[in-house]
Amino acid sequence: MAADVKKLIGDETVINSRGVFEYLLGGSVDKKLLGLQFFEASVTRVAYARQNEETKANGKSNCLHCAMSDNSNKSNIHNFKEMEADHVAAWSKGGARTPENCEMFCITHNRLKGNR
């Protein structure tokens, strides 16, 4: 258990290190105890696929910000590794880590967006 505690406390995605013991003693089930703010890979893949389907229909970029531009990026389709997941409703303001609250932006635009 000591190794698991050390690993979780050193994990940059674990926001609430005080919940580590309760999480581990509870069978490592309730991730809310860790205060994780990042989306799980399965959620980001669902959001990426959904946005790609929507953008194929309108011929715009799968990055929501690029799609609004008036330059050559407006129709650029980014591959999954060029994208980052973001919360529609910010995590810091109570937004959930669900597929419905996940949207994808290219790395550049997601990092410019910040906590809005």
N, C-alpha and C. Protein backbone atom coordinates (compact mmCIF):
# COMPACT_ATOMS: atom_id res chain seq x y z
N MET A 1 0.83 -1.20 0.00
CA MET A 1 0.00 0.00 0.00
C MET A 1 0.87 1.26 0.00
N ALA A 2 2.01 1.20 0.65
CA ALA A 2 2.90 2.37 0.71
C ALA A 2 3.32 2.81 -0.69
N ALA A 3 3.57 1.84 -1.57
CA ALA A 3 3.96 2.18 -2.94
C ALA A 3 2.81 2.86 -3.68
N ASP A 4 1.57 2.40 -3.44
CA ASP A 4 0.40 3.01 -4.08
C ASP A 4 0.20 4.44 -3.59
N VAL A 5 0.38 4.66 -2.29
CA VAL A 5 0.25 6.00 -1.73
C VAL A 5 1.29 6.93 -2.35
N LYS A 6 2.53 6.48 -2.41
CA LYS A 6 3.61 7.29 -2.98
C LYS A 6 3.33 7.62 -4.43
N LYS A 7 2.86 6.63 -5.18
CA LYS A 7 2.56 6.84 -6.60
C LYS A 7 1.46 7.88 -6.78
N LEU A 8 0.37 7.77 -6.01
CA LEU A 8 -0.75 8.70 -6.16
C LEU A 8 -0.39 10.10 -5.70
N ILE A 9 0.36 10.22 -4.62
CA ILE A 9 0.73 11.55 -4.13
C ILE A 9 1.67 12.23 -5.12
N GLY A 10 2.48 11.46 -5.84
CA GLY A 10 3.38 12.02 -6.83
C GLY A 10 2.74 12.27 -8.18
N ASP A 11 1.50 11.85 -8.35
CA ASP A 11 0.80 12.00 -9.63
C ASP A 11 0.25 13.41 -9.75
N GLU A 12 0.68 14.14 -10.80
CA GLU A 12 0.26 15.54 -10.97
C GLU A 12 -1.23 15.71 -11.24
N THR A 13 -1.92 14.63 -11.64
CA THR A 13 -3.35 14.74 -11.89
C THR A 13 -4.18 14.60 -10.62
N VAL A 14 -3.55 14.16 -9.53
CA VAL A 14 -4.24 14.02 -8.24
C VAL A 14 -4.20 15.37 -7.54
N ILE A 15 -5.34 15.99 -7.45
CA ILE A 15 -5.45 17.33 -6.87
C ILE A 15 -5.61 17.26 -5.35
N ASN A 16 -6.33 16.27 -4.86
CA ASN A 16 -6.62 16.15 -3.43
C ASN A 16 -5.83 15.00 -2.82
N SER A 17 -4.60 15.26 -2.40
CA SER A 17 -3.78 14.19 -1.83
C SER A 17 -4.33 13.69 -0.49
N ARG A 18 -5.17 14.48 0.17
CA ARG A 18 -5.77 14.04 1.43
C ARG A 18 -6.74 12.89 1.24
N GLY A 19 -7.25 12.71 0.00
CA GLY A 19 -8.19 11.64 -0.26
C GLY A 19 -7.55 10.33 -0.68
N VAL A 20 -6.21 10.30 -0.77
CA VAL A 20 -5.51 9.11 -1.25
C VAL A 20 -5.77 7.89 -0.37
N PHE A 21 -5.64 8.04 0.95
CA PHE A 21 -5.83 6.90 1.85
C PHE A 21 -7.26 6.37 1.78
N GLU A 22 -8.22 7.28 1.81
CA GLU A 22 -9.63 6.85 1.74
C GLU A 22 -9.90 6.15 0.41
N TYR A 23 -9.33 6.67 -0.67
CA TYR A 23 -9.48 6.06 -1.99
C TYR A 23 -8.92 4.64 -2.00
N LEU A 24 -7.72 4.46 -1.50
CA LEU A 24 -7.10 3.14 -1.48
C LEU A 24 -7.82 2.17 -0.54
N LEU A 25 -8.16 2.65 0.65
CA LEU A 25 -8.86 1.78 1.62
C LEU A 25 -10.27 1.43 1.16
N GLY A 26 -10.84 2.25 0.30
CA GLY A 26 -12.18 2.00 -0.24
C GLY A 26 -12.16 1.13 -1.49
N GLY A 27 -11.03 0.55 -1.80
CA GLY A 27 -10.95 -0.35 -2.95
C GLY A 27 -10.58 0.33 -4.26
N SER A 28 -10.06 1.53 -4.19
CA SER A 28 -9.64 2.29 -5.38
C SER A 28 -10.77 2.46 -6.40
N VAL A 29 -11.95 2.80 -5.89
CA VAL A 29 -13.13 2.91 -6.75
C VAL A 29 -13.58 4.36 -6.93
N ASP A 30 -13.69 5.09 -5.85
CA ASP A 30 -14.25 6.45 -5.90
C ASP A 30 -13.17 7.48 -6.24
N LYS A 31 -12.98 7.75 -7.53
CA LYS A 31 -11.93 8.66 -7.99
C LYS A 31 -12.20 10.11 -7.58
N LYS A 32 -13.42 10.41 -7.19
CA LYS A 32 -13.72 11.77 -6.74
C LYS A 32 -12.89 12.14 -5.52
N LEU A 33 -12.51 11.14 -4.73
CA LEU A 33 -11.70 11.40 -3.55
C LEU A 33 -10.33 11.97 -3.89
N LEU A 34 -9.87 11.73 -5.10
CA LEU A 34 -8.56 12.21 -5.53
C LEU A 34 -8.63 13.60 -6.17
N GLY A 35 -9.83 14.05 -6.47
CA GLY A 35 -9.99 15.37 -7.08
C GLY A 35 -9.42 15.44 -8.48
N LEU A 36 -9.47 14.35 -9.21
CA LEU A 36 -8.91 14.33 -10.57
C LEU A 36 -9.64 15.32 -11.46
N GLN A 37 -8.89 16.12 -12.20
CA GLN A 37 -9.52 17.08 -13.08
C GLN A 37 -9.39 16.69 -14.54
N PHE A 38 -8.61 15.67 -14.85
CA PHE A 38 -8.41 15.27 -16.24
C PHE A 38 -9.41 14.22 -16.65
N PHE A 39 -9.72 14.19 -17.93
CA PHE A 39 -10.63 13.19 -18.48
C PHE A 39 -9.89 11.87 -18.66
N GLU A 40 -10.61 10.78 -18.48
CA GLU A 40 -10.04 9.47 -18.78
C GLU A 40 -9.94 9.33 -20.29
N ALA A 41 -9.02 8.49 -20.75
CA ALA A 41 -8.78 8.32 -22.19
C ALA A 41 -10.04 7.91 -22.94
N SER A 42 -10.86 7.07 -22.33
CA SER A 42 -12.09 6.62 -23.01
C SER A 42 -13.03 7.78 -23.27
N VAL A 43 -13.08 8.74 -22.37
CA VAL A 43 -13.96 9.91 -22.54
C VAL A 43 -13.43 10.80 -23.66
N THR A 44 -12.11 11.02 -23.71
CA THR A 44 -11.56 11.88 -24.75
C THR A 44 -11.71 11.26 -26.13
N ARG A 45 -11.61 9.95 -26.22
CA ARG A 45 -11.79 9.29 -27.52
C ARG A 45 -13.23 9.43 -28.02
N VAL A 46 -14.19 9.34 -27.12
CA VAL A 46 -15.59 9.52 -27.49
C VAL A 46 -15.82 10.95 -27.98
N ALA A 47 -15.29 11.92 -27.25
CA ALA A 47 -15.46 13.33 -27.64
C ALA A 47 -14.77 13.61 -28.98
N TYR A 48 -13.59 13.06 -29.17
CA TYR A 48 -12.85 13.25 -30.43
C TYR A 48 -13.65 12.67 -31.60
N ALA A 49 -14.16 11.46 -31.43
CA ALA A 49 -14.94 10.82 -32.51
C ALA A 49 -16.21 11.62 -32.81
N ARG A 50 -16.88 12.09 -31.76
CA ARG A 50 -18.11 12.87 -31.94
C ARG A 50 -17.83 14.15 -32.72
N GLN A 51 -16.79 14.87 -32.33
CA GLN A 51 -16.45 16.12 -33.02
C GLN A 51 -16.02 15.87 -34.45
N ASN A 52 -15.30 14.79 -34.70
CA ASN A 52 -14.89 14.49 -36.08
C ASN A 52 -16.10 14.23 -36.96
N GLU A 53 -17.07 13.51 -36.46
CA GLU A 53 -18.28 13.25 -37.24
C GLU A 53 -19.03 14.54 -37.54
N GLU A 54 -19.15 15.40 -36.52
CA GLU A 54 -19.86 16.66 -36.70
C GLU A 54 -19.14 17.56 -37.70
N THR A 55 -17.81 17.57 -37.66
CA THR A 55 -17.07 18.46 -38.56
C THR A 55 -17.02 17.94 -39.99
N LYS A 56 -17.10 16.63 -40.17
CA LYS A 56 -17.14 16.09 -41.54
C LYS A 56 -18.37 16.61 -42.27
N ALA A 57 -19.45 16.77 -41.53
CA ALA A 57 -20.70 17.22 -42.14
C ALA A 57 -20.64 18.70 -42.56
N ASN A 58 -19.87 19.52 -41.83
CA ASN A 58 -19.85 20.95 -42.16
C ASN A 58 -18.53 21.41 -42.79
N GLY A 59 -17.55 20.52 -42.93
CA GLY A 59 -16.29 20.87 -43.59
C GLY A 59 -15.39 21.79 -42.80
N LYS A 60 -15.59 21.86 -41.49
CA LYS A 60 -14.77 22.73 -40.66
C LYS A 60 -13.81 21.89 -39.81
N SER A 61 -12.90 22.57 -39.16
CA SER A 61 -11.90 21.91 -38.32
C SER A 61 -12.55 21.21 -37.13
N ASN A 62 -11.89 20.15 -36.65
CA ASN A 62 -12.39 19.47 -35.46
C ASN A 62 -11.94 20.17 -34.18
N CYS A 63 -11.12 21.19 -34.29
CA CYS A 63 -10.83 22.06 -33.14
C CYS A 63 -11.88 23.17 -33.19
N LEU A 64 -12.62 23.31 -32.14
CA LEU A 64 -13.72 24.27 -32.14
C LEU A 64 -13.25 25.71 -32.36
N HIS A 65 -12.06 26.04 -31.89
CA HIS A 65 -11.55 27.39 -32.07
C HIS A 65 -11.03 27.59 -33.49
N CYS A 66 -10.28 26.60 -34.01
CA CYS A 66 -9.79 26.70 -35.40
C CYS A 66 -10.97 26.85 -36.37
N ALA A 67 -12.06 26.15 -36.10
CA ALA A 67 -13.23 26.18 -36.98
C ALA A 67 -13.83 27.58 -37.09
N MET A 68 -13.63 28.41 -36.07
CA MET A 68 -14.18 29.77 -36.08
C MET A 68 -13.27 30.78 -36.78
N SER A 69 -12.04 30.36 -37.11
CA SER A 69 -11.08 31.30 -37.70
C SER A 69 -11.37 31.55 -39.18
N ASP A 70 -10.71 32.56 -39.72
CA ASP A 70 -10.85 32.88 -41.14
C ASP A 70 -9.57 32.56 -41.90
N ASN A 71 -8.71 31.71 -41.33
CA ASN A 71 -7.47 31.37 -42.01
C ASN A 71 -7.48 29.91 -42.46
N SER A 72 -6.34 29.42 -42.88
CA SER A 72 -6.26 28.07 -43.44
C SER A 72 -6.56 26.98 -42.40
N ASN A 73 -6.50 27.29 -41.13
CA ASN A 73 -6.79 26.29 -40.09
C ASN A 73 -8.28 25.98 -39.95
N LYS A 74 -9.13 26.78 -40.56
CA LYS A 74 -10.57 26.60 -40.34
C LYS A 74 -11.10 25.26 -40.84
N SER A 75 -10.36 24.60 -41.71
CA SER A 75 -10.81 23.28 -42.19
C SER A 75 -9.82 22.17 -41.84
N ASN A 76 -8.85 22.49 -40.98
CA ASN A 76 -7.82 21.52 -40.60
C ASN A 76 -8.39 20.46 -39.65
N ILE A 77 -8.20 19.21 -40.02
CA ILE A 77 -8.61 18.11 -39.14
C ILE A 77 -7.36 17.62 -38.40
N HIS A 78 -7.34 17.85 -37.11
CA HIS A 78 -6.21 17.45 -36.26
C HIS A 78 -6.35 15.98 -35.89
N ASN A 79 -5.21 15.27 -35.81
CA ASN A 79 -5.29 13.90 -35.33
C ASN A 79 -5.39 13.92 -33.82
N PHE A 80 -5.71 12.79 -33.24
CA PHE A 80 -5.99 12.70 -31.81
C PHE A 80 -4.82 13.21 -30.96
N LYS A 81 -3.60 12.94 -31.37
CA LYS A 81 -2.42 13.35 -30.60
C LYS A 81 -2.21 14.86 -30.62
N GLU A 82 -2.84 15.55 -31.55
CA GLU A 82 -2.72 17.00 -31.65
C GLU A 82 -3.83 17.73 -30.88
N MET A 83 -4.66 16.96 -30.19
CA MET A 83 -5.82 17.53 -29.51
C MET A 83 -5.71 17.33 -28.00
N GLU A 84 -6.41 18.18 -27.26
CA GLU A 84 -6.54 18.04 -25.81
C GLU A 84 -8.01 18.21 -25.43
N ALA A 85 -8.39 17.48 -24.42
CA ALA A 85 -9.77 17.56 -23.93
C ALA A 85 -9.91 18.74 -22.98
N ASP A 86 -11.07 19.35 -23.02
CA ASP A 86 -11.37 20.45 -22.12
C ASP A 86 -12.80 20.32 -21.63
N HIS A 87 -13.06 20.91 -20.50
CA HIS A 87 -14.41 20.87 -19.93
C HIS A 87 -15.27 21.96 -20.55
N VAL A 88 -16.49 21.64 -20.93
CA VAL A 88 -17.45 22.65 -21.39
C VAL A 88 -17.75 23.56 -20.20
N ALA A 89 -18.17 22.97 -19.10
CA ALA A 89 -18.30 23.69 -17.83
C ALA A 89 -17.02 23.39 -17.06
N ALA A 90 -16.26 24.41 -16.70
CA ALA A 90 -14.94 24.24 -16.09
C ALA A 90 -14.98 23.32 -14.87
N TRP A 91 -13.95 22.50 -14.75
CA TRP A 91 -13.83 21.58 -13.61
C TRP A 91 -13.80 22.37 -12.31
N SER A 92 -13.09 23.50 -12.32
CA SER A 92 -12.97 24.32 -11.11
C SER A 92 -14.30 24.94 -10.70
N LYS A 93 -15.27 24.92 -11.62
CA LYS A 93 -16.59 25.48 -11.32
C LYS A 93 -17.65 24.39 -11.23
N GLY A 94 -17.19 23.14 -11.00
CA GLY A 94 -18.12 22.03 -10.79
C GLY A 94 -18.40 21.18 -12.01
N GLY A 95 -17.72 21.43 -13.12
CA GLY A 95 -17.94 20.65 -14.34
C GLY A 95 -17.50 19.21 -14.17
N ALA A 96 -18.29 18.29 -14.68
CA ALA A 96 -18.02 16.86 -14.54
C ALA A 96 -17.02 16.37 -15.58
N ARG A 97 -16.46 15.18 -15.34
CA ARG A 97 -15.54 14.56 -16.29
C ARG A 97 -16.29 13.52 -17.12
N THR A 98 -17.37 13.95 -17.75
CA THR A 98 -18.22 13.06 -18.53
C THR A 98 -18.09 13.39 -20.02
N PRO A 99 -18.46 12.46 -20.90
CA PRO A 99 -18.39 12.74 -22.34
C PRO A 99 -19.22 13.96 -22.74
N GLU A 100 -20.33 14.18 -22.07
CA GLU A 100 -21.21 15.32 -22.39
C GLU A 100 -20.55 16.65 -22.04
N ASN A 101 -19.62 16.64 -21.10
CA ASN A 101 -18.95 17.87 -20.67
C ASN A 101 -17.54 17.97 -21.25
N CYS A 102 -17.25 17.17 -22.26
CA CYS A 102 -15.91 17.14 -22.86
C CYS A 102 -15.96 17.68 -24.28
N GLU A 103 -15.05 18.60 -24.58
CA GLU A 103 -14.89 19.09 -25.94
C GLU A 103 -13.39 19.12 -26.25
N MET A 104 -13.07 18.96 -27.52
CA MET A 104 -11.67 18.86 -27.93
C MET A 104 -11.21 20.13 -28.64
N PHE A 105 -10.00 20.55 -28.31
CA PHE A 105 -9.35 21.68 -28.95
C PHE A 105 -7.95 21.25 -29.37
N CYS A 106 -7.40 21.89 -30.38
CA CYS A 106 -6.00 21.63 -30.69
C CYS A 106 -5.20 22.09 -29.46
N ILE A 107 -4.02 21.54 -29.30
CA ILE A 107 -3.22 21.83 -28.10
C ILE A 107 -3.01 23.33 -27.93
N THR A 108 -2.68 24.03 -29.01
CA THR A 108 -2.43 25.47 -28.92
C THR A 108 -3.64 26.22 -28.38
N HIS A 109 -4.80 25.97 -28.96
CA HIS A 109 -5.99 26.70 -28.53
C HIS A 109 -6.47 26.29 -27.14
N ASN A 110 -6.31 25.03 -26.78
CA ASN A 110 -6.73 24.63 -25.44
C ASN A 110 -5.89 25.33 -24.38
N ARG A 111 -4.62 25.46 -24.62
CA ARG A 111 -3.75 26.09 -23.62
C ARG A 111 -3.94 27.60 -23.57
N LEU A 112 -4.36 28.19 -24.68
CA LEU A 112 -4.68 29.62 -24.69
C LEU A 112 -6.00 29.90 -23.99
N LYS A 113 -6.91 28.95 -24.04
CA LYS A 113 -8.27 29.12 -23.51
C LYS A 113 -8.26 29.38 -22.00
N GLY A 114 -7.52 28.58 -21.26
CA GLY A 114 -7.45 28.76 -19.82
C GLY A 114 -8.73 28.33 -19.12
N ASN A 115 -8.97 28.89 -17.94
CA ASN A 115 -10.08 28.49 -17.08
C ASN A 115 -11.24 29.46 -17.25
N ARG A 116 -12.05 29.21 -18.29
CA ARG A 116 -13.20 30.10 -18.56
C ARG A 116 -14.49 29.39 -18.35
